[in-house]
């Protein structure tokens, strides 16, 4: 028996769901897609480009930790008060 997602054409990277992009660059993720990846209000998503296509994935907790760590590290590089960064 086919799952609901398979019946809706969501498996194997095939879907004909559309959403318009607003002037603010926002688009609604169709309900069928949100259900398929378990996306809930407040969840974060990750955008990537693969083979010339935009791919949306639900962010995992490790993504949040990684991004926070990168932000701290990069902000340290911009600290002009530290002698190591001055010529």
N, C-alpha and C. Protein backbone atom coordinates (compact mmCIF):
# COMPACT_ATOMS: atom_id res chain seq x y z
N UNK A 1 0.84 -1.17 0.00
CA UNK A 1 0.00 0.00 0.00
C UNK A 1 0.89 1.25 0.00
N UNK A 2 0.61 2.21 -0.86
CA UNK A 2 1.40 3.43 -0.98
C UNK A 2 1.10 4.37 0.19
N UNK A 3 2.17 5.04 0.65
CA UNK A 3 1.97 6.02 1.71
C UNK A 3 1.27 7.24 1.13
N UNK A 4 0.80 8.09 2.01
CA UNK A 4 0.13 9.32 1.56
C UNK A 4 1.07 10.17 0.71
N UNK A 5 2.34 10.27 1.16
CA UNK A 5 3.32 11.07 0.42
C UNK A 5 3.54 10.51 -0.98
N UNK A 6 3.63 9.17 -1.07
CA UNK A 6 3.82 8.55 -2.39
C UNK A 6 2.60 8.79 -3.27
N UNK A 7 1.43 8.70 -2.68
CA UNK A 7 0.20 8.93 -3.45
C UNK A 7 0.11 10.37 -3.94
N UNK A 8 0.70 11.31 -3.18
CA UNK A 8 0.66 12.71 -3.57
C UNK A 8 1.83 13.09 -4.47
N UNK A 9 2.65 12.11 -4.85
CA UNK A 9 3.77 12.39 -5.74
C UNK A 9 4.94 13.08 -5.07
N UNK A 10 5.15 12.86 -3.77
CA UNK A 10 6.21 13.56 -3.05
C UNK A 10 7.49 12.73 -2.91
N UNK A 11 7.46 11.48 -3.23
CA UNK A 11 8.65 10.63 -3.09
C UNK A 11 9.54 10.77 -4.32
N UNK A 12 10.79 10.37 -4.14
CA UNK A 12 11.77 10.34 -5.23
C UNK A 12 12.02 11.71 -5.84
N UNK A 13 11.90 12.78 -5.03
CA UNK A 13 12.22 14.10 -5.49
C UNK A 13 11.26 14.68 -6.51
N UNK A 14 10.07 14.13 -6.62
CA UNK A 14 9.12 14.61 -7.61
C UNK A 14 7.90 15.20 -6.95
N UNK A 15 7.66 16.45 -7.22
CA UNK A 15 6.48 17.12 -6.71
C UNK A 15 6.16 18.29 -7.61
N UNK A 16 4.88 18.53 -7.83
CA UNK A 16 4.46 19.65 -8.66
C UNK A 16 3.79 20.72 -7.83
N UNK A 17 4.13 20.80 -6.57
CA UNK A 17 3.56 21.83 -5.71
C UNK A 17 4.19 23.17 -6.04
N UNK A 18 3.38 24.23 -6.09
CA UNK A 18 3.89 25.56 -6.38
C UNK A 18 3.54 26.53 -5.28
N UNK A 19 4.36 27.57 -5.17
CA UNK A 19 4.13 28.64 -4.22
C UNK A 19 4.74 29.89 -4.81
N UNK A 20 4.04 31.01 -4.73
CA UNK A 20 4.55 32.27 -5.27
C UNK A 20 5.52 32.91 -4.29
N UNK A 21 6.50 33.61 -4.81
CA UNK A 21 7.46 34.34 -3.98
C UNK A 21 6.95 35.77 -3.84
N UNK A 22 6.92 36.26 -2.59
CA UNK A 22 6.44 37.62 -2.33
C UNK A 22 7.55 38.62 -2.60
N UNK A 23 7.23 39.90 -2.51
CA UNK A 23 8.24 40.94 -2.71
C UNK A 23 9.31 40.90 -1.63
N UNK A 24 9.03 40.27 -0.50
CA UNK A 24 10.01 40.12 0.57
C UNK A 24 10.84 38.84 0.41
N UNK A 25 10.64 38.11 -0.67
CA UNK A 25 11.39 36.87 -0.90
C UNK A 25 10.84 35.69 -0.14
N UNK A 26 9.62 35.78 0.35
CA UNK A 26 9.02 34.70 1.12
C UNK A 26 8.13 33.84 0.24
N UNK A 27 8.05 32.57 0.60
CA UNK A 27 7.16 31.63 -0.09
C UNK A 27 6.59 30.68 0.96
N UNK A 28 5.38 30.23 0.75
CA UNK A 28 4.76 29.27 1.65
C UNK A 28 5.17 27.87 1.26
N UNK A 29 5.59 27.09 2.23
CA UNK A 29 5.91 25.68 1.98
C UNK A 29 4.59 24.92 2.01
N UNK A 30 4.22 24.27 0.91
CA UNK A 30 2.93 23.56 0.88
C UNK A 30 2.78 22.56 2.02
N UNK A 31 1.56 22.41 2.51
CA UNK A 31 1.26 21.54 3.65
C UNK A 31 1.76 20.12 3.44
N UNK A 32 1.62 19.59 2.23
CA UNK A 32 2.06 18.22 1.96
C UNK A 32 3.56 18.07 2.18
N UNK A 33 4.31 19.09 1.77
CA UNK A 33 5.76 19.05 1.95
C UNK A 33 6.11 19.17 3.43
N UNK A 34 5.44 20.08 4.14
CA UNK A 34 5.70 20.24 5.58
C UNK A 34 5.44 18.94 6.33
N UNK A 35 4.34 18.29 5.99
CA UNK A 35 4.02 17.00 6.65
C UNK A 35 5.08 15.95 6.34
N UNK A 36 5.52 15.89 5.11
CA UNK A 36 6.47 14.86 4.69
C UNK A 36 7.79 14.97 5.44
N UNK A 37 8.27 16.20 5.70
CA UNK A 37 9.55 16.33 6.38
C UNK A 37 9.39 16.64 7.87
N UNK A 38 8.15 16.64 8.35
CA UNK A 38 7.90 16.84 9.77
C UNK A 38 8.17 18.26 10.23
N UNK A 39 7.91 19.23 9.38
CA UNK A 39 8.17 20.63 9.68
C UNK A 39 7.02 21.22 10.47
N UNK A 40 7.36 21.80 11.64
CA UNK A 40 6.37 22.41 12.52
C UNK A 40 6.63 23.91 12.62
N UNK A 41 5.62 24.70 13.00
CA UNK A 41 5.84 26.13 13.19
C UNK A 41 7.00 26.38 14.17
N UNK A 42 7.90 27.28 13.79
CA UNK A 42 9.06 27.59 14.61
C UNK A 42 10.31 26.79 14.26
N UNK A 43 10.15 25.68 13.50
CA UNK A 43 11.31 24.91 13.08
C UNK A 43 12.16 25.73 12.12
N UNK A 44 13.45 25.45 12.10
CA UNK A 44 14.35 26.12 11.17
C UNK A 44 14.57 25.22 9.97
N UNK A 45 14.86 25.86 8.83
CA UNK A 45 15.15 25.12 7.61
C UNK A 45 16.51 25.53 7.07
N UNK A 46 17.09 24.66 6.27
CA UNK A 46 18.37 24.90 5.64
C UNK A 46 18.16 24.85 4.13
N UNK A 47 18.68 25.87 3.44
CA UNK A 47 18.61 25.90 1.98
C UNK A 47 19.99 25.54 1.44
N UNK A 48 20.01 24.74 0.38
CA UNK A 48 21.26 24.43 -0.31
C UNK A 48 20.97 24.32 -1.80
N UNK A 49 22.03 24.34 -2.58
CA UNK A 49 21.88 24.19 -4.03
C UNK A 49 22.57 22.90 -4.42
N UNK A 50 21.85 22.01 -5.08
CA UNK A 50 22.38 20.74 -5.54
C UNK A 50 21.99 20.56 -6.99
N UNK A 51 23.00 20.37 -7.81
CA UNK A 51 22.76 20.18 -9.25
C UNK A 51 21.88 21.27 -9.84
N UNK A 52 22.12 22.51 -9.42
CA UNK A 52 21.37 23.64 -9.96
C UNK A 52 19.95 23.78 -9.44
N UNK A 53 19.61 23.04 -8.40
CA UNK A 53 18.27 23.11 -7.81
C UNK A 53 18.37 23.54 -6.35
N UNK A 54 17.39 24.30 -5.90
CA UNK A 54 17.34 24.69 -4.50
C UNK A 54 16.70 23.55 -3.71
N UNK A 55 17.37 23.16 -2.64
CA UNK A 55 16.87 22.07 -1.79
C UNK A 55 16.61 22.63 -0.40
N UNK A 56 15.47 22.30 0.15
CA UNK A 56 15.09 22.73 1.49
C UNK A 56 15.07 21.50 2.39
N UNK A 57 15.77 21.58 3.51
CA UNK A 57 15.78 20.51 4.51
C UNK A 57 15.42 21.09 5.86
N UNK A 58 14.83 20.28 6.70
CA UNK A 58 14.59 20.68 8.08
C UNK A 58 15.93 20.72 8.79
N UNK A 59 16.22 21.82 9.48
CA UNK A 59 17.49 21.94 10.20
C UNK A 59 17.51 20.98 11.37
N UNK A 60 18.65 20.39 11.59
CA UNK A 60 18.84 19.51 12.73
C UNK A 60 19.49 20.29 13.86
N UNK A 61 19.39 19.81 15.05
CA UNK A 61 19.95 20.50 16.22
C UNK A 61 21.43 20.78 16.04
N UNK A 62 22.16 19.89 15.41
CA UNK A 62 23.59 20.09 15.20
C UNK A 62 23.84 21.30 14.32
N UNK A 63 22.95 21.61 13.38
CA UNK A 63 23.09 22.80 12.55
C UNK A 63 23.07 24.06 13.40
N UNK A 64 22.18 24.12 14.38
CA UNK A 64 22.10 25.28 15.26
C UNK A 64 23.38 25.44 16.06
N UNK A 65 23.91 24.34 16.58
CA UNK A 65 25.14 24.38 17.37
C UNK A 65 26.31 24.81 16.48
N UNK A 66 26.39 24.25 15.30
CA UNK A 66 27.47 24.59 14.36
C UNK A 66 27.41 26.07 14.00
N UNK A 67 26.24 26.55 13.63
CA UNK A 67 26.09 27.95 13.24
C UNK A 67 26.44 28.89 14.39
N UNK A 68 26.03 28.57 15.59
CA UNK A 68 26.35 29.41 16.75
C UNK A 68 27.86 29.45 16.97
N UNK A 69 28.51 28.32 16.86
CA UNK A 69 29.96 28.27 17.03
C UNK A 69 30.69 29.07 15.97
N UNK A 70 30.22 28.98 14.74
CA UNK A 70 30.83 29.73 13.65
C UNK A 70 30.66 31.23 13.86
N UNK A 71 29.51 31.65 14.34
CA UNK A 71 29.27 33.07 14.59
C UNK A 71 30.23 33.61 15.65
N UNK A 72 30.46 32.84 16.71
CA UNK A 72 31.38 33.27 17.76
C UNK A 72 32.79 33.36 17.20
N UNK A 73 33.20 32.36 16.45
CA UNK A 73 34.55 32.34 15.90
C UNK A 73 34.76 33.52 14.94
N UNK A 74 33.82 33.76 14.08
CA UNK A 74 33.96 34.84 13.11
C UNK A 74 33.92 36.20 13.79
N UNK A 75 33.14 36.34 14.85
CA UNK A 75 33.09 37.63 15.54
C UNK A 75 34.43 37.92 16.23
N UNK A 76 35.14 36.88 16.65
CA UNK A 76 36.46 37.08 17.26
C UNK A 76 37.47 37.61 16.24
N UNK A 77 37.33 37.23 14.99
CA UNK A 77 38.23 37.69 13.95
C UNK A 77 38.06 39.19 13.69
N UNK A 78 36.92 39.72 14.05
CA UNK A 78 36.61 41.12 13.79
C UNK A 78 36.88 42.01 15.00
N UNK A 79 37.59 41.49 15.98
CA UNK A 79 37.86 42.23 17.21
C UNK A 79 39.13 43.07 17.02
N UNK A 80 38.96 44.36 16.71
CA UNK A 80 40.10 45.23 16.40
C UNK A 80 40.90 45.61 17.64
N UNK A 81 40.40 45.32 18.82
CA UNK A 81 41.11 45.67 20.06
C UNK A 81 42.20 44.67 20.41
N UNK A 82 42.20 43.53 19.79
CA UNK A 82 43.23 42.54 20.08
C UNK A 82 44.46 42.83 19.23
N UNK A 83 45.64 42.90 19.87
CA UNK A 83 46.87 43.24 19.19
C UNK A 83 47.22 42.27 18.06
N UNK A 84 46.84 41.04 18.21
CA UNK A 84 47.22 40.04 17.22
C UNK A 84 46.66 40.37 15.83
N UNK A 85 45.58 41.12 15.80
CA UNK A 85 44.96 41.43 14.52
C UNK A 85 45.45 42.75 13.93
N UNK A 86 46.19 43.51 14.71
CA UNK A 86 46.68 44.81 14.22
C UNK A 86 48.07 44.66 13.61
N UNK A 87 48.35 45.44 12.57
CA UNK A 87 49.68 45.40 11.94
C UNK A 87 50.67 46.20 12.73
